[in-house]
């Protein structure tokens, strides 16, 4: 079975993928986000060239369910058709988060790692960053879902509110096991491990860049056991001061909701109409921070 762990950046997929990777019947892609199937190769890079499909199997080792954890796949308009052509029986674990909070967390992550500057962008101002497609596209839940449902039936998806991973992690995992038809497993679900919070992202130093480049030259069959060993112990060597430095983290505020809240409420309404997903708590939170009523949209 082919499974795609999709959704949006900063919606809990790092934690979820590392937990599911403990199951002997699941083969998680290495790296977790190969960014191979979609044209979206991360936040900024786009490549519409046809993938080298025979090479795709190299991202997986072992038997069982193959799980690709590339989160940008959900926002890619071409990915559904490609997957339908190559993996027609695929299933999808869709992780989503209240979209304004997700967007701000994504923005903070990109700034803290200088990914924007490396791609000749400047995301210092949230309002200006929101105007660009690179940030907003991953929060367009309704638009993206409508595209996917042109190729796959809704029953191919299980939709997870990322807040449930913290409040009821075992229940979430059991739902996914049932959706995938795999046996129950005894997982380590500690929330203080395997997390990828925006406030913990750091800018790579020159030494860190050299180390990363050297590590990229190591053959996959040698590197993969090392990576899995570090991930399962939540050890990130790139957090060492010599390899990375901290950048300013901007807390989520009312101004962020005023900037993009109305548009994202419209997207949530579309997503809900397509899927039946209860987004009322998210919409109420957004409209409350915007200073309007969720019932009539007025003061």
C-alpha atoms as a PDB file:
ATOM      1  CA  UNK A   1       0.000   0.000   0.000  1.00  0.00           C
ATOM      2  CA  UNK A   2       1.155   3.538  -0.781  1.00  0.00           C
ATOM      3  CA  UNK A   3       0.303   6.203   1.795  1.00  0.00           C
ATOM      4  CA  UNK A   4       0.979   9.915   1.636  1.00  0.00           C
ATOM      5  CA  UNK A   5       1.236  11.853   4.894  1.00  0.00           C
ATOM      6  CA  UNK A   6       0.181  15.240   3.601  1.00  0.00           C
ATOM      7  CA  UNK A   7      -1.342  18.401   4.996  1.00  0.00           C
ATOM      8  CA  UNK A   8       0.609  21.549   5.585  1.00  0.00           C
ATOM      9  CA  UNK A   9       3.934  22.604   7.081  1.00  0.00           C
ATOM     10  CA  UNK A  10       3.782  23.146  10.861  1.00  0.00           C
ATOM     11  CA  UNK A  11       0.744  20.878  11.295  1.00  0.00           C
ATOM     12  CA  UNK A  12       2.325  18.086  13.321  1.00  0.00           C
ATOM     13  CA  UNK A  13       3.529  15.770  10.566  1.00  0.00           C
ATOM     14  CA  UNK A  14       7.075  15.560  11.940  1.00  0.00           C
ATOM     15  CA  UNK A  15       5.813  14.175  15.245  1.00  0.00           C
ATOM     16  CA  UNK A  16       3.265  11.909  13.566  1.00  0.00           C
ATOM     17  CA  UNK A  17       5.720  10.480  11.045  1.00  0.00           C
ATOM     18  CA  UNK A  18       8.265   9.649  13.721  1.00  0.00           C
ATOM     19  CA  UNK A  19       5.630   7.912  15.837  1.00  0.00           C
ATOM     20  CA  UNK A  20       4.257   5.892  12.923  1.00  0.00           C
ATOM     21  CA  UNK A  21       7.783   4.989  11.852  1.00  0.00           C
ATOM     22  CA  UNK A  22       8.019   2.890  15.022  1.00  0.00           C
ATOM     23  CA  UNK A  23       5.469   0.458  13.543  1.00  0.00           C
ATOM     24  CA  UNK A  24       7.217  -2.541  11.917  1.00  0.00           C
ATOM     25  CA  UNK A  25       4.592  -2.579   9.178  1.00  0.00           C
ATOM     26  CA  UNK A  26       5.318   0.975   8.016  1.00  0.00           C
ATOM     27  CA  UNK A  27       8.262   2.065   5.879  1.00  0.00           C
ATOM     28  CA  UNK A  28       8.619   5.840   6.186  1.00  0.00           C
ATOM     29  CA  UNK A  29      10.391   7.612   3.354  1.00  0.00           C
ATOM     30  CA  UNK A  30      14.008   8.593   3.960  1.00  0.00           C
ATOM     31  CA  UNK A  31      14.204  11.526   4.090  1.00  0.00           C
ATOM     32  CA  UNK A  32      10.805  12.095   5.646  1.00  0.00           C
ATOM     33  CA  UNK A  33      10.059  14.668   2.945  1.00  0.00           C
ATOM     34  CA  UNK A  34      11.589  13.494  -0.344  1.00  0.00           C
ATOM     35  CA  UNK A  35       9.608  16.214  -2.193  1.00  0.00           C
ATOM     36  CA  UNK A  36       9.653  13.962  -5.230  1.00  0.00           C
ATOM     37  CA  UNK A  37       6.085  13.485  -6.435  1.00  0.00           C
ATOM     38  CA  UNK A  38       4.909  17.101  -6.203  1.00  0.00           C
ATOM     39  CA  UNK A  39       6.140  20.078  -8.183  1.00  0.00           C
ATOM     40  CA  UNK A  40       6.440  21.874  -4.835  1.00  0.00           C
ATOM     41  CA  UNK A  41       9.952  21.137  -3.597  1.00  0.00           C
ATOM     42  CA  UNK A  42       9.547  22.948  -0.303  1.00  0.00           C
ATOM     43  CA  UNK A  43       8.236  26.434   0.421  1.00  0.00           C
ATOM     44  CA  UNK A  44       9.705  28.226  -2.583  1.00  0.00           C
ATOM     45  CA  UNK A  45      11.131  25.848  -5.182  1.00  0.00           C
ATOM     46  CA  UNK A  46       8.868  24.609  -7.977  1.00  0.00           C
ATOM     47  CA  UNK A  47       9.854  22.032 -10.593  1.00  0.00           C
ATOM     48  CA  UNK A  48       7.263  20.808 -13.074  1.00  0.00           C
ATOM     49  CA  UNK A  49       9.598  18.279 -14.688  1.00  0.00           C
ATOM     50  CA  UNK A  50       8.352  14.694 -14.752  1.00  0.00           C
ATOM     51  CA  UNK A  51       9.775  12.701 -11.795  1.00  0.00           C
ATOM     52  CA  UNK A  52      12.107   9.767 -12.364  1.00  0.00           C
ATOM     53  CA  UNK A  53       9.548   7.225 -11.151  1.00  0.00           C
ATOM     54  CA  UNK A  54      11.872   4.161 -11.069  1.00  0.00           C
ATOM     55  CA  UNK A  55      14.053   6.092  -8.615  1.00  0.00           C
ATOM     56  CA  UNK A  56      11.154   6.672  -6.221  1.00  0.00           C
ATOM     57  CA  UNK A  57      11.472   3.240  -4.593  1.00  0.00           C
ATOM     58  CA  UNK A  58      14.950   4.207  -3.325  1.00  0.00           C
ATOM     59  CA  UNK A  59      13.322   6.406  -0.686  1.00  0.00           C
ATOM     60  CA  UNK A  60      11.918   3.361   1.102  1.00  0.00           C
ATOM     61  CA  UNK A  61      13.446   0.330   2.803  1.00  0.00           C
ATOM     62  CA  UNK A  62      11.736  -2.711   4.228  1.00  0.00           C
ATOM     63  CA  UNK A  63       8.328  -4.194   3.572  1.00  0.00           C
ATOM     64  CA  UNK A  64       4.841  -3.085   4.439  1.00  0.00           C
ATOM     65  CA  UNK A  65       3.092   0.235   3.971  1.00  0.00           C
ATOM     66  CA  UNK A  66       5.196   2.821   2.153  1.00  0.00           C
ATOM     67  CA  UNK A  67       4.588   6.260   3.650  1.00  0.00           C
ATOM     68  CA  UNK A  68       5.782   9.457   1.952  1.00  0.00           C
ATOM     69  CA  UNK A  69       5.859  12.403   4.394  1.00  0.00           C
ATOM     70  CA  UNK A  70       6.183  15.312   1.937  1.00  0.00           C
ATOM     71  CA  UNK A  71       3.764  17.872   3.391  1.00  0.00           C
ATOM     72  CA  UNK A  72       3.900  20.306   0.455  1.00  0.00           C
ATOM     73  CA  UNK A  73       2.221  17.649  -1.692  1.00  0.00           C
ATOM     74  CA  UNK A  74      -1.264  18.699  -0.537  1.00  0.00           C
ATOM     75  CA  UNK A  75      -0.936  22.234  -1.947  1.00  0.00           C
ATOM     76  CA  UNK A  76       0.525  21.105  -5.279  1.00  0.00           C
ATOM     77  CA  UNK A  77      -2.111  21.237  -8.061  1.00  0.00           C
ATOM     78  CA  UNK A  78      -0.326  18.591 -10.139  1.00  0.00           C
ATOM     79  CA  UNK A  79       0.312  16.006  -7.409  1.00  0.00           C
ATOM     80  CA  UNK A  80      -3.188  14.435  -7.338  1.00  0.00           C
ATOM     81  CA  UNK A  81      -3.092  13.558 -11.034  1.00  0.00           C
ATOM     82  CA  UNK A  82       0.432  12.171 -10.804  1.00  0.00           C
ATOM     83  CA  UNK A  83      -0.415  10.012  -7.817  1.00  0.00           C
ATOM     84  CA  UNK A  84      -3.619   8.788  -9.439  1.00  0.00           C
ATOM     85  CA  UNK A  85      -1.649   7.693 -12.526  1.00  0.00           C
ATOM     86  CA  UNK A  86       1.153   5.986 -10.614  1.00  0.00           C
ATOM     87  CA  UNK A  87      -0.456   4.915  -7.311  1.00  0.00           C
ATOM     88  CA  UNK A  88      -4.196   4.615  -8.021  1.00  0.00           C
ATOM     89  CA  UNK A  89      -4.931   2.804  -4.728  1.00  0.00           C
ATOM     90  CA  UNK A  90      -3.109   5.367  -2.573  1.00  0.00           C
ATOM     91  CA  UNK A  91      -4.445   6.560   0.770  1.00  0.00           C
ATOM     92  CA  UNK A  92      -3.855   9.910   2.453  1.00  0.00           C
ATOM     93  CA  UNK A  93      -3.369  10.992   6.043  1.00  0.00           C
ATOM     94  CA  UNK A  94      -4.193  14.703   5.966  1.00  0.00           C
ATOM     95  CA  UNK A  95      -2.906  16.729   8.935  1.00  0.00           C
ATOM     96  CA  UNK A  96      -4.263  20.252   9.324  1.00  0.00           C
ATOM     97  CA  UNK A  97      -4.006  23.009  11.892  1.00  0.00           C
ATOM     98  CA  UNK A  98      -5.951  26.212  12.586  1.00  0.00           C
ATOM     99  CA  UNK A  99      -4.771  28.015   9.433  1.00  0.00           C
ATOM    100  CA  UNK A 100      -3.740  31.439  10.749  1.00  0.00           C
ATOM    101  CA  UNK A 101      -1.613  29.892  13.507  1.00  0.00           C
ATOM    102  CA  UNK A 102      -0.171  27.483  10.954  1.00  0.00           C
ATOM    103  CA  UNK A 103       0.697  30.290   8.561  1.00  0.00           C
ATOM    104  CA  UNK A 104       2.469  32.366  11.201  1.00  0.00           C
ATOM    105  CA  UNK A 105       4.401  29.334  12.436  1.00  0.00           C
ATOM    106  CA  UNK A 106       5.469  28.554   8.862  1.00  0.00           C
ATOM    107  CA  UNK A 107       6.507  32.176   8.360  1.00  0.00           C
ATOM    108  CA  UNK A 108       8.580  32.101  11.557  1.00  0.00           C
ATOM    109  CA  UNK A 109      10.246  28.844  10.525  1.00  0.00           C
ATOM    110  CA  UNK A 110      11.294  30.160   7.123  1.00  0.00           C
ATOM    111  CA  UNK A 111      12.649  33.383   8.618  1.00  0.00           C
ATOM    112  CA  UNK A 112      14.557  31.601  11.377  1.00  0.00           C
ATOM    113  CA  UNK A 113      16.310  29.286   8.932  1.00  0.00           C
ATOM    114  CA  UNK A 114      16.910  32.094   6.369  1.00  0.00           C
ATOM    115  CA  UNK A 115      15.212  29.963   3.730  1.00  0.00           C
ATOM    116  CA  UNK A 116      13.612  33.130   2.372  1.00  0.00           C
ATOM    117  CA  UNK A 117      16.930  34.882   1.838  1.00  0.00           C
ATOM    118  CA  UNK A 118      18.470  31.764   0.320  1.00  0.00           C
ATOM    119  CA  UNK A 119      15.693  31.892  -2.284  1.00  0.00           C
ATOM    120  CA  UNK A 120      16.035  35.652  -2.885  1.00  0.00           C
ATOM    121  CA  UNK A 121      12.894  36.508  -0.919  1.00  0.00           C
ATOM    122  CA  UNK A 122      12.389  38.754   2.068  1.00  0.00           C
ATOM    123  CA  UNK A 123       9.820  37.620   4.615  1.00  0.00           C
ATOM    124  CA  UNK A 124      10.676  40.142   7.328  1.00  0.00           C
ATOM    125  CA  UNK A 125       7.164  41.612   7.140  1.00  0.00           C
ATOM    126  CA  UNK A 126       4.282  39.175   7.592  1.00  0.00           C
ATOM    127  CA  UNK A 127       1.768  41.248   5.626  1.00  0.00           C
ATOM    128  CA  UNK A 128       4.039  41.360   2.596  1.00  0.00           C
ATOM    129  CA  UNK A 129       4.903  37.661   2.897  1.00  0.00           C
ATOM    130  CA  UNK A 130       1.192  36.801   2.951  1.00  0.00           C
ATOM    131  CA  UNK A 131       0.686  38.519  -0.408  1.00  0.00           C
ATOM    132  CA  UNK A 132       3.012  35.992  -2.050  1.00  0.00           C
ATOM    133  CA  UNK A 133       1.804  32.578  -3.156  1.00  0.00           C
ATOM    134  CA  UNK A 134       4.641  30.730  -1.389  1.00  0.00           C
ATOM    135  CA  UNK A 135       3.183  31.350   2.078  1.00  0.00           C
ATOM    136  CA  UNK A 136      -0.540  31.427   1.394  1.00  0.00           C
ATOM    137  CA  UNK A 137      -0.767  28.338  -0.832  1.00  0.00           C
ATOM    138  CA  UNK A 138      -0.282  25.860   2.032  1.00  0.00           C
ATOM    139  CA  UNK A 139      -3.191  27.404   3.959  1.00  0.00           C
ATOM    140  CA  UNK A 140      -5.696  27.179   1.103  1.00  0.00           C
ATOM    141  CA  UNK A 141      -7.292  24.019   2.525  1.00  0.00           C
ATOM    142  CA  UNK A 142     -10.537  24.245   0.562  1.00  0.00           C
ATOM    143  CA  UNK A 143      -8.963  25.003  -2.797  1.00  0.00           C
ATOM    144  CA  UNK A 144      -6.450  22.190  -2.389  1.00  0.00           C
ATOM    145  CA  UNK A 145      -9.070  19.668  -1.261  1.00  0.00           C
ATOM    146  CA  UNK A 146     -11.306  20.462  -4.209  1.00  0.00           C
ATOM    147  CA  UNK A 147      -8.405  19.647  -6.501  1.00  0.00           C
ATOM    148  CA  UNK A 148      -7.736  16.305  -4.787  1.00  0.00           C
ATOM    149  CA  UNK A 149     -11.375  15.243  -4.886  1.00  0.00           C
ATOM    150  CA  UNK A 150     -11.297  15.501  -8.674  1.00  0.00           C
ATOM    151  CA  UNK A 151      -8.997  12.466  -8.616  1.00  0.00           C
ATOM    152  CA  UNK A 152      -9.757  10.546  -5.395  1.00  0.00           C
ATOM    153  CA  UNK A 153     -12.875   9.757  -3.389  1.00  0.00           C
ATOM    154  CA  UNK A 154     -13.182  11.288   0.069  1.00  0.00           C
ATOM    155  CA  UNK A 155     -12.938   7.869   1.736  1.00  0.00           C
ATOM    156  CA  UNK A 156      -9.283   7.724   0.677  1.00  0.00           C
ATOM    157  CA  UNK A 157      -8.544  10.445   3.246  1.00  0.00           C
ATOM    158  CA  UNK A 158      -8.437  10.546   7.011  1.00  0.00           C
ATOM    159  CA  UNK A 159      -8.331  14.120   8.294  1.00  0.00           C
ATOM    160  CA  UNK A 160      -6.512  14.896  11.544  1.00  0.00           C
ATOM    161  CA  UNK A 161      -6.758  18.128  13.532  1.00  0.00           C
ATOM    162  CA  UNK A 162      -3.179  18.584  14.736  1.00  0.00           C
ATOM    163  CA  UNK A 163      -4.331  19.789  18.180  1.00  0.00           C
ATOM    164  CA  UNK A 164      -5.606  16.259  18.851  1.00  0.00           C
ATOM    165  CA  UNK A 165      -2.052  14.907  18.608  1.00  0.00           C
ATOM    166  CA  UNK A 166      -1.342  16.702  21.863  1.00  0.00           C
ATOM    167  CA  UNK A 167      -4.659  16.145  23.654  1.00  0.00           C
ATOM    168  CA  UNK A 168      -5.337  12.535  22.596  1.00  0.00           C
ATOM    169  CA  UNK A 169      -2.318  11.100  20.752  1.00  0.00           C
ATOM    170  CA  UNK A 170      -3.198   7.423  21.219  1.00  0.00           C
ATOM    171  CA  UNK A 171      -6.710   7.940  19.852  1.00  0.00           C
ATOM    172  CA  UNK A 172      -5.260   9.640  16.767  1.00  0.00           C
ATOM    173  CA  UNK A 173      -2.804   6.812  16.162  1.00  0.00           C
ATOM    174  CA  UNK A 174      -5.499   4.166  16.576  1.00  0.00           C
ATOM    175  CA  UNK A 175      -7.674   5.953  14.009  1.00  0.00           C
ATOM    176  CA  UNK A 176      -4.810   5.948  11.526  1.00  0.00           C
ATOM    177  CA  UNK A 177      -4.053   2.273  12.181  1.00  0.00           C
ATOM    178  CA  UNK A 178      -7.685   1.449  11.458  1.00  0.00           C
ATOM    179  CA  UNK A 179      -7.687   3.600   8.337  1.00  0.00           C
ATOM    180  CA  UNK A 180      -4.575   1.824   7.036  1.00  0.00           C
ATOM    181  CA  UNK A 181      -5.712  -1.622   8.161  1.00  0.00           C
ATOM    182  CA  UNK A 182      -2.584  -2.371  10.193  1.00  0.00           C
ATOM    183  CA  UNK A 183      -2.225  -3.993  13.611  1.00  0.00           C
ATOM    184  CA  UNK A 184      -2.055  -1.914  16.767  1.00  0.00           C
ATOM    185  CA  UNK A 185       1.409  -1.138  18.093  1.00  0.00           C
ATOM    186  CA  UNK A 186       2.858   0.134  21.372  1.00  0.00           C
ATOM    187  CA  UNK A 187       4.307   3.555  20.475  1.00  0.00           C
ATOM    188  CA  UNK A 188       6.358   6.154  22.291  1.00  0.00           C
ATOM    189  CA  UNK A 189       4.066   9.171  21.834  1.00  0.00           C
ATOM    190  CA  UNK A 190       5.757  11.680  24.155  1.00  0.00           C
ATOM    191  CA  UNK A 191       4.894  15.124  22.836  1.00  0.00           C
ATOM    192  CA  UNK A 192       8.194  16.648  23.952  1.00  0.00           C
ATOM    193  CA  UNK A 193       9.998  14.430  21.454  1.00  0.00           C
ATOM    194  CA  UNK A 194      10.061  14.539  17.661  1.00  0.00           C
ATOM    195  CA  UNK A 195       8.430  17.988  17.638  1.00  0.00           C
ATOM    196  CA  UNK A 196       9.341  20.628  15.086  1.00  0.00           C
ATOM    197  CA  UNK A 197       8.130  23.885  16.621  1.00  0.00           C
ATOM    198  CA  UNK A 198       8.845  27.134  14.810  1.00  0.00           C
ATOM    199  CA  UNK A 199      10.475  28.603  17.913  1.00  0.00           C
ATOM    200  CA  UNK A 200      13.072  25.819  17.880  1.00  0.00           C
ATOM    201  CA  UNK A 201      14.195  26.357  14.284  1.00  0.00           C
ATOM    202  CA  UNK A 202      17.647  27.846  13.948  1.00  0.00           C
ATOM    203  CA  UNK A 203      19.771  29.477  11.272  1.00  0.00           C
ATOM    204  CA  UNK A 204      22.631  27.299   9.996  1.00  0.00           C
ATOM    205  CA  UNK A 205      26.148  28.671  10.529  1.00  0.00           C
ATOM    206  CA  UNK A 206      28.991  28.338   8.022  1.00  0.00           C
ATOM    207  CA  UNK A 207      30.307  25.344   9.956  1.00  0.00           C
ATOM    208  CA  UNK A 208      26.813  23.871   9.998  1.00  0.00           C
ATOM    209  CA  UNK A 209      26.484  24.294   6.241  1.00  0.00           C
ATOM    210  CA  UNK A 210      29.782  22.469   5.718  1.00  0.00           C
ATOM    211  CA  UNK A 211      28.678  19.631   7.994  1.00  0.00           C
ATOM    212  CA  UNK A 212      25.338  19.359   6.175  1.00  0.00           C
ATOM    213  CA  UNK A 213      27.078  19.252   2.805  1.00  0.00           C
ATOM    214  CA  UNK A 214      29.461  16.555   3.997  1.00  0.00           C
ATOM    215  CA  UNK A 215      26.576  14.525   5.398  1.00  0.00           C
ATOM    216  CA  UNK A 216      24.755  14.788   2.069  1.00  0.00           C
ATOM    217  CA  UNK A 217      27.666  13.007   0.367  1.00  0.00           C
ATOM    218  CA  UNK A 218      27.299   9.898   2.535  1.00  0.00           C
ATOM    219  CA  UNK A 219      25.536   7.039   0.682  1.00  0.00           C
ATOM    220  CA  UNK A 220      21.889   6.561   1.659  1.00  0.00           C
ATOM    221  CA  UNK A 221      22.366   2.973   2.885  1.00  0.00           C
ATOM    222  CA  UNK A 222      25.013   4.228   5.330  1.00  0.00           C
ATOM    223  CA  UNK A 223      23.209   7.422   6.324  1.00  0.00           C
ATOM    224  CA  UNK A 224      19.715   6.031   6.861  1.00  0.00           C
ATOM    225  CA  UNK A 225      20.452   3.972  10.047  1.00  0.00           C
ATOM    226  CA  UNK A 226      22.271   6.963  11.556  1.00  0.00           C
ATOM    227  CA  UNK A 227      19.367   9.323  10.840  1.00  0.00           C
ATOM    228  CA  UNK A 228      16.796   6.923  12.285  1.00  0.00           C
ATOM    229  CA  UNK A 229      18.924   6.400  15.409  1.00  0.00           C
ATOM    230  CA  UNK A 230      19.108  10.175  16.010  1.00  0.00           C
ATOM    231  CA  UNK A 231      15.427  10.777  15.230  1.00  0.00           C
ATOM    232  CA  UNK A 232      14.173   8.125  17.627  1.00  0.00           C
ATOM    233  CA  UNK A 233      16.133   9.767  20.431  1.00  0.00           C
ATOM    234  CA  UNK A 234      15.117  13.267  19.344  1.00  0.00           C
ATOM    235  CA  UNK A 235      18.761  14.247  18.892  1.00  0.00           C
ATOM    236  CA  UNK A 236      19.293  17.062  16.416  1.00  0.00           C
ATOM    237  CA  UNK A 237      23.002  17.738  16.058  1.00  0.00           C
ATOM    238  CA  UNK A 238      22.247  20.906  14.094  1.00  0.00           C
ATOM    239  CA  UNK A 239      20.965  22.557  17.289  1.00  0.00           C
ATOM    240  CA  UNK A 240      24.529  22.692  18.564  1.00  0.00           C
ATOM    241  CA  UNK A 241      25.674  26.348  18.873  1.00  0.00           C
ATOM    242  CA  UNK A 242      28.601  25.805  16.513  1.00  0.00           C
ATOM    243  CA  UNK A 243      26.250  24.525  13.800  1.00  0.00           C
ATOM    244  CA  UNK A 244      23.299  26.925  14.164  1.00  0.00           C
ATOM    245  CA  UNK A 245      22.166  30.141  15.827  1.00  0.00           C
ATOM    246  CA  UNK A 246      18.832  31.369  17.130  1.00  0.00           C
ATOM    247  CA  UNK A 247      16.750  33.923  15.247  1.00  0.00           C
ATOM    248  CA  UNK A 248      13.964  36.194  16.468  1.00  0.00           C
ATOM    249  CA  UNK A 249      10.587  34.451  16.897  1.00  0.00           C
ATOM    250  CA  UNK A 250       7.434  36.576  16.493  1.00  0.00           C
ATOM    251  CA  UNK A 251       4.498  35.393  18.654  1.00  0.00           C
ATOM    252  CA  UNK A 252       1.086  34.897  17.080  1.00  0.00           C
ATOM    253  CA  UNK A 253      -0.908  38.130  17.428  1.00  0.00           C
ATOM    254  CA  UNK A 254      -4.197  39.797  16.491  1.00  0.00           C
ATOM    255  CA  UNK A 255      -2.595  41.585  13.559  1.00  0.00           C
ATOM    256  CA  UNK A 256      -1.830  38.246  11.919  1.00  0.00           C
ATOM    257  CA  UNK A 257      -5.515  37.320  12.145  1.00  0.00           C
ATOM    258  CA  UNK A 258      -6.557  40.668  10.690  1.00  0.00           C
ATOM    259  CA  UNK A 259      -4.168  40.170   7.770  1.00  0.00           C
ATOM    260  CA  UNK A 260      -5.386  36.800   6.545  1.00  0.00           C
ATOM    261  CA  UNK A 261      -8.267  35.678   8.754  1.00  0.00           C
ATOM    262  CA  UNK A 262     -11.187  36.567   6.499  1.00  0.00           C
ATOM    263  CA  UNK A 263      -9.711  34.831   3.467  1.00  0.00           C
ATOM    264  CA  UNK A 264      -8.870  31.731   5.472  1.00  0.00           C
ATOM    265  CA  UNK A 265     -12.372  31.555   6.939  1.00  0.00           C
ATOM    266  CA  UNK A 266     -13.672  31.383   3.369  1.00  0.00           C
ATOM    267  CA  UNK A 267     -11.248  28.550   2.651  1.00  0.00           C
ATOM    268  CA  UNK A 268     -12.406  26.716   5.783  1.00  0.00           C
ATOM    269  CA  UNK A 269     -16.026  27.047   4.690  1.00  0.00           C
ATOM    270  CA  UNK A 270     -15.156  25.493   1.341  1.00  0.00           C
ATOM    271  CA  UNK A 271     -13.154  22.717   2.992  1.00  0.00           C
ATOM    272  CA  UNK A 272     -16.016  21.942   5.351  1.00  0.00           C
ATOM    273  CA  UNK A 273     -18.566  21.799   2.544  1.00  0.00           C
ATOM    274  CA  UNK A 274     -16.383  19.338   0.629  1.00  0.00           C
ATOM    275  CA  UNK A 275     -15.453  17.042   3.496  1.00  0.00           C
ATOM    276  CA  UNK A 276     -17.934  17.505   6.341  1.00  0.00           C
ATOM    277  CA  UNK A 277     -14.989  18.372   8.605  1.00  0.00           C
ATOM    278  CA  UNK A 278     -16.062  20.407  11.653  1.00  0.00           C
ATOM    279  CA  UNK A 279     -14.058  23.626  11.434  1.00  0.00           C
ATOM    280  CA  UNK A 280     -16.285  25.662  13.761  1.00  0.00           C
ATOM    281  CA  UNK A 281     -13.716  25.938  16.555  1.00  0.00           C
ATOM    282  CA  UNK A 282     -11.085  27.198  14.142  1.00  0.00           C
ATOM    283  CA  UNK A 283     -13.436  29.747  12.607  1.00  0.00           C
ATOM    284  CA  UNK A 284     -14.627  30.949  16.017  1.00  0.00           C
ATOM    285  CA  UNK A 285     -11.027  31.444  17.144  1.00  0.00           C
ATOM    286  CA  UNK A 286     -10.134  33.348  13.993  1.00  0.00           C
ATOM    287  CA  UNK A 287     -13.168  35.625  14.107  1.00  0.00           C
ATOM    288  CA  UNK A 288     -12.690  36.249  17.815  1.00  0.00           C
ATOM    289  CA  UNK A 289      -9.116  37.419  17.214  1.00  0.00           C
ATOM    290  CA  UNK A 290     -10.375  39.574  14.347  1.00  0.00           C
ATOM    291  CA  UNK A 291     -12.972  41.136  16.649  1.00  0.00           C
ATOM    292  CA  UNK A 292     -16.030  39.925  14.775  1.00  0.00           C
ATOM    293  CA  UNK A 293     -18.811  37.433  15.480  1.00  0.00           C
ATOM    294  CA  UNK A 294     -18.610  33.971  13.940  1.00  0.00           C
ATOM    295  CA  UNK A 295     -22.401  34.059  13.516  1.00  0.00           C
ATOM    296  CA  UNK A 296     -22.910  37.250  11.550  1.00  0.00           C
ATOM    297  CA  UNK A 297     -19.394  38.409  10.691  1.00  0.00           C
ATOM    298  CA  UNK A 298     -19.974  41.834  12.280  1.00  0.00           C
ATOM    299  CA  UNK A 299     -18.911  43.707  15.413  1.00  0.00           C
END
